[in-house]
Amino acid sequence: MMKKSKKSMLDEMQEQKLLKIEHIGCWLAFWGLLIVMFIQILVDGENIVRNNIGEWAVFMCLAVYLLVACVKNGIWDRRLKADFKTNFVASLIAGLAVGIFNSVNSFIKYESIGGSIATGIILFAATFILCLGALTIVTKIYKKRVKKLEGDEEEEE
C-alpha cells in the first residue's frame, strides 16, 4: 500500500508552478464548458436541457465555488476594481454576448430578421439588468467581507 505524506514533496518554486498550472487548467475548464454549451445550443437547439445538463451542472458548481471562495477570502480580481464602473462594463459585455448569440440563434431557427433583432434586444436588456444587479450585490458583500477581514487582522496585531 502506498503511503501518502502530508508534507509537500515540492519546493517553493514547484509549488508556484503547480498553482499556475492549476489556475490555467481551472480557467480552461470554465471557459471551455461555456463555449461547448453555446456550440451545443447552436447545433441542436431543440434539446438544450438534455444536451447541456451535465456541462451546466459542472459549470455552475465551478462558478459558485470560485465566487464564494474569492469573496470569503477578500479577493476580487488581479486587475479589476470592485466598483460600479467595472460592474457596468462587465454587464454590458455579458448583455451584448447573450443578445448577439441569441439573435443569431433565433435567425438560424426562424429566418426572421425582425424577430431575431427583437430577441437580441430583449435578452440583452434582461441579461444586462440581471448581471448588473447580481454584481452590485456581490460587490457589496465583498466590500463588507474585506472590512471584516481587515478588522480581524488589526485585532491579531
Protein backbone atom coordinates (compact mmCIF):
# COMPACT_ATOMS: atom_id res chain seq x y z
CA MET A 1 0.00 0.00 0.00
CA MET A 2 1.30 3.45 -0.96
CA LYS A 3 1.75 5.84 1.95
CA LYS A 4 0.73 9.44 1.30
CA SER A 5 2.79 12.11 3.03
CA LYS A 6 1.03 15.17 4.45
CA LYS A 7 4.14 17.22 3.83
CA SER A 8 4.56 18.58 0.31
CA MET A 9 7.27 16.96 -1.77
CA LEU A 10 7.62 20.17 -3.82
CA ASP A 11 9.91 23.12 -3.21
CA GLU A 12 8.52 26.69 -3.27
CA MET A 13 9.25 27.19 -6.98
CA GLN A 14 7.50 23.95 -7.88
CA GLU A 15 4.53 24.89 -5.67
CA GLN A 16 4.22 28.21 -7.53
CA LYS A 17 4.43 26.47 -10.90
CA LEU A 18 1.79 23.93 -9.82
CA LEU A 19 -0.51 26.74 -8.69
CA LYS A 20 -0.06 28.43 -12.10
CA ILE A 21 -0.82 25.15 -13.92
CA GLU A 22 -3.93 24.57 -11.79
CA HIS A 23 -5.01 28.19 -12.33
CA ILE A 24 -4.76 27.91 -16.12
CA GLY A 25 -6.46 24.49 -16.07
CA CYS A 26 -9.34 25.82 -13.99
CA TRP A 27 -9.99 28.72 -16.37
CA LEU A 28 -9.62 26.48 -19.43
CA ALA A 29 -12.31 24.22 -17.97
CA PHE A 30 -14.55 27.19 -17.10
CA TRP A 31 -14.42 28.91 -20.49
CA GLY A 32 -14.28 25.60 -22.38
CA LEU A 33 -17.51 24.43 -20.76
CA LEU A 34 -19.20 27.73 -21.59
CA ILE A 35 -18.10 27.56 -25.23
CA VAL A 36 -19.16 23.91 -25.55
CA MET A 37 -22.61 24.74 -24.16
CA PHE A 38 -23.03 27.60 -26.66
CA ILE A 39 -22.00 25.37 -29.55
CA GLN A 40 -24.42 22.64 -28.45
CA ILE A 41 -27.24 25.18 -28.27
CA LEU A 42 -26.48 26.40 -31.81
CA VAL A 43 -26.13 22.89 -33.24
CA ASP A 44 -29.14 21.30 -31.53
CA GLY A 45 -31.38 23.97 -30.06
CA GLU A 46 -34.28 21.54 -29.73
CA ASN A 47 -32.73 19.50 -26.90
CA ILE A 48 -30.96 22.22 -24.91
CA VAL A 49 -31.70 20.80 -21.46
CA ARG A 50 -30.87 17.20 -22.34
CA ASN A 51 -27.65 18.13 -24.14
CA ASN A 52 -26.35 20.65 -21.62
CA ILE A 53 -27.42 19.41 -18.18
CA GLY A 54 -24.08 17.80 -17.29
CA GLU A 55 -21.98 20.66 -18.57
CA TRP A 56 -24.30 23.19 -16.93
CA ALA A 57 -24.06 21.44 -13.54
CA VAL A 58 -20.24 21.35 -13.65
CA PHE A 59 -20.05 24.93 -14.93
CA MET A 60 -22.34 26.27 -12.20
CA CYS A 61 -20.55 24.32 -9.43
CA LEU A 62 -17.23 25.76 -10.62
CA ALA A 63 -18.64 29.29 -10.92
CA VAL A 64 -20.28 29.23 -7.48
CA TYR A 65 -17.17 27.73 -5.87
CA LEU A 66 -14.89 30.38 -7.39
CA LEU A 67 -17.26 33.18 -6.37
CA VAL A 68 -17.74 32.02 -2.78
CA ALA A 69 -14.05 31.18 -2.24
CA CYS A 70 -12.88 34.53 -3.60
CA VAL A 71 -15.39 36.62 -1.64
CA LYS A 72 -14.73 34.61 1.54
CA ASN A 73 -11.02 35.37 1.22
CA GLY A 74 -11.49 39.03 0.29
CA ILE A 75 -10.28 38.61 -3.29
CA TRP A 76 -11.97 40.35 -6.22
CA ASP A 77 -9.61 40.31 -9.20
CA ARG A 78 -5.97 40.94 -10.04
CA ARG A 79 -6.66 43.87 -12.35
CA LEU A 80 -10.29 44.96 -11.96
CA LYS A 81 -11.71 47.10 -9.16
CA ALA A 82 -14.88 46.17 -7.33
CA ASP A 83 -16.84 49.26 -8.35
CA PHE A 84 -19.91 50.30 -10.32
CA LYS A 85 -17.97 51.17 -13.49
CA THR A 86 -16.42 47.69 -13.69
CA ASN A 87 -19.79 46.07 -12.97
CA PHE A 88 -21.45 48.21 -15.65
CA VAL A 89 -18.86 47.29 -18.32
CA ALA A 90 -18.93 43.58 -17.40
CA SER A 91 -22.74 43.59 -17.53
CA LEU A 92 -22.66 45.39 -20.87
CA ILE A 93 -20.27 42.78 -22.30
CA ALA A 94 -22.39 39.91 -20.93
CA GLY A 95 -25.57 41.51 -22.29
CA LEU A 96 -24.05 42.04 -25.72
CA ALA A 97 -22.71 38.49 -25.85
CA VAL A 98 -26.08 36.98 -24.87
CA GLY A 99 -28.02 39.36 -27.14
CA ILE A 100 -25.87 38.68 -30.22
CA PHE A 101 -25.72 34.93 -29.57
CA ASN A 102 -29.49 34.66 -29.22
CA SER A 103 -30.15 36.91 -32.22
CA VAL A 104 -28.01 34.64 -34.38
CA ASN A 105 -29.61 31.53 -32.87
CA SER A 106 -33.10 32.93 -33.44
CA PHE A 107 -32.29 33.87 -37.04
CA ILE A 108 -30.89 30.38 -37.74
CA LYS A 109 -34.08 28.79 -36.38
CA TYR A 110 -36.78 31.11 -37.74
CA GLU A 111 -35.11 33.15 -40.52
CA SER A 112 -36.85 36.32 -39.36
CA ILE A 113 -34.59 39.35 -39.12
CA GLY A 114 -37.11 41.45 -37.14
CA GLY A 115 -37.82 38.68 -34.66
CA SER A 116 -34.16 37.88 -34.18
CA ILE A 117 -33.31 41.55 -33.55
CA ALA A 118 -36.18 41.83 -31.03
CA THR A 119 -34.99 38.64 -29.33
CA GLY A 120 -31.47 40.02 -29.11
CA ILE A 121 -32.58 43.37 -27.68
CA ILE A 122 -34.86 41.80 -25.06
CA LEU A 123 -32.25 39.27 -23.95
CA PHE A 124 -29.53 41.95 -23.96
CA ALA A 125 -31.61 44.13 -21.64
CA ALA A 126 -32.58 41.26 -19.34
CA THR A 127 -29.02 39.95 -19.09
CA PHE A 128 -27.59 43.43 -18.56
CA ILE A 129 -30.03 44.25 -15.75
CA LEU A 130 -29.71 40.86 -14.01
CA CYS A 131 -25.93 40.83 -14.30
CA LEU A 132 -25.57 44.41 -13.05
CA GLY A 133 -27.87 43.65 -10.12
CA ALA A 134 -26.03 40.45 -9.20
CA LEU A 135 -22.61 42.10 -9.49
CA THR A 136 -23.75 45.05 -7.39
CA ILE A 137 -24.96 42.70 -4.63
CA VAL A 138 -21.76 40.62 -4.74
CA THR A 139 -19.64 43.80 -4.70
CA LYS A 140 -21.39 44.96 -1.52
CA ILE A 141 -20.89 41.54 0.10
CA TYR A 142 -17.24 41.56 -0.97
CA LYS A 143 -16.59 45.04 0.44
CA LYS A 144 -18.26 44.09 3.73
CA ARG A 145 -16.11 40.94 3.90
CA VAL A 146 -12.91 42.89 3.20
CA LYS A 147 -13.74 45.30 6.04
CA LYS A 148 -14.30 42.35 8.37
CA LEU A 149 -11.04 40.68 7.32
CA GLU A 150 -9.10 43.92 7.76
CA GLY A 151 -10.67 44.36 11.21
CA ASP A 152 -9.66 40.79 12.17
CA GLU A 153 -6.08 41.45 11.03
CA GLU A 154 -5.86 44.60 13.16
CA GLU A 155 -7.08 42.69 16.23
CA GLU A 156 -4.42 40.00 15.73
CA GLU A 157 -1.56 42.55 15.67
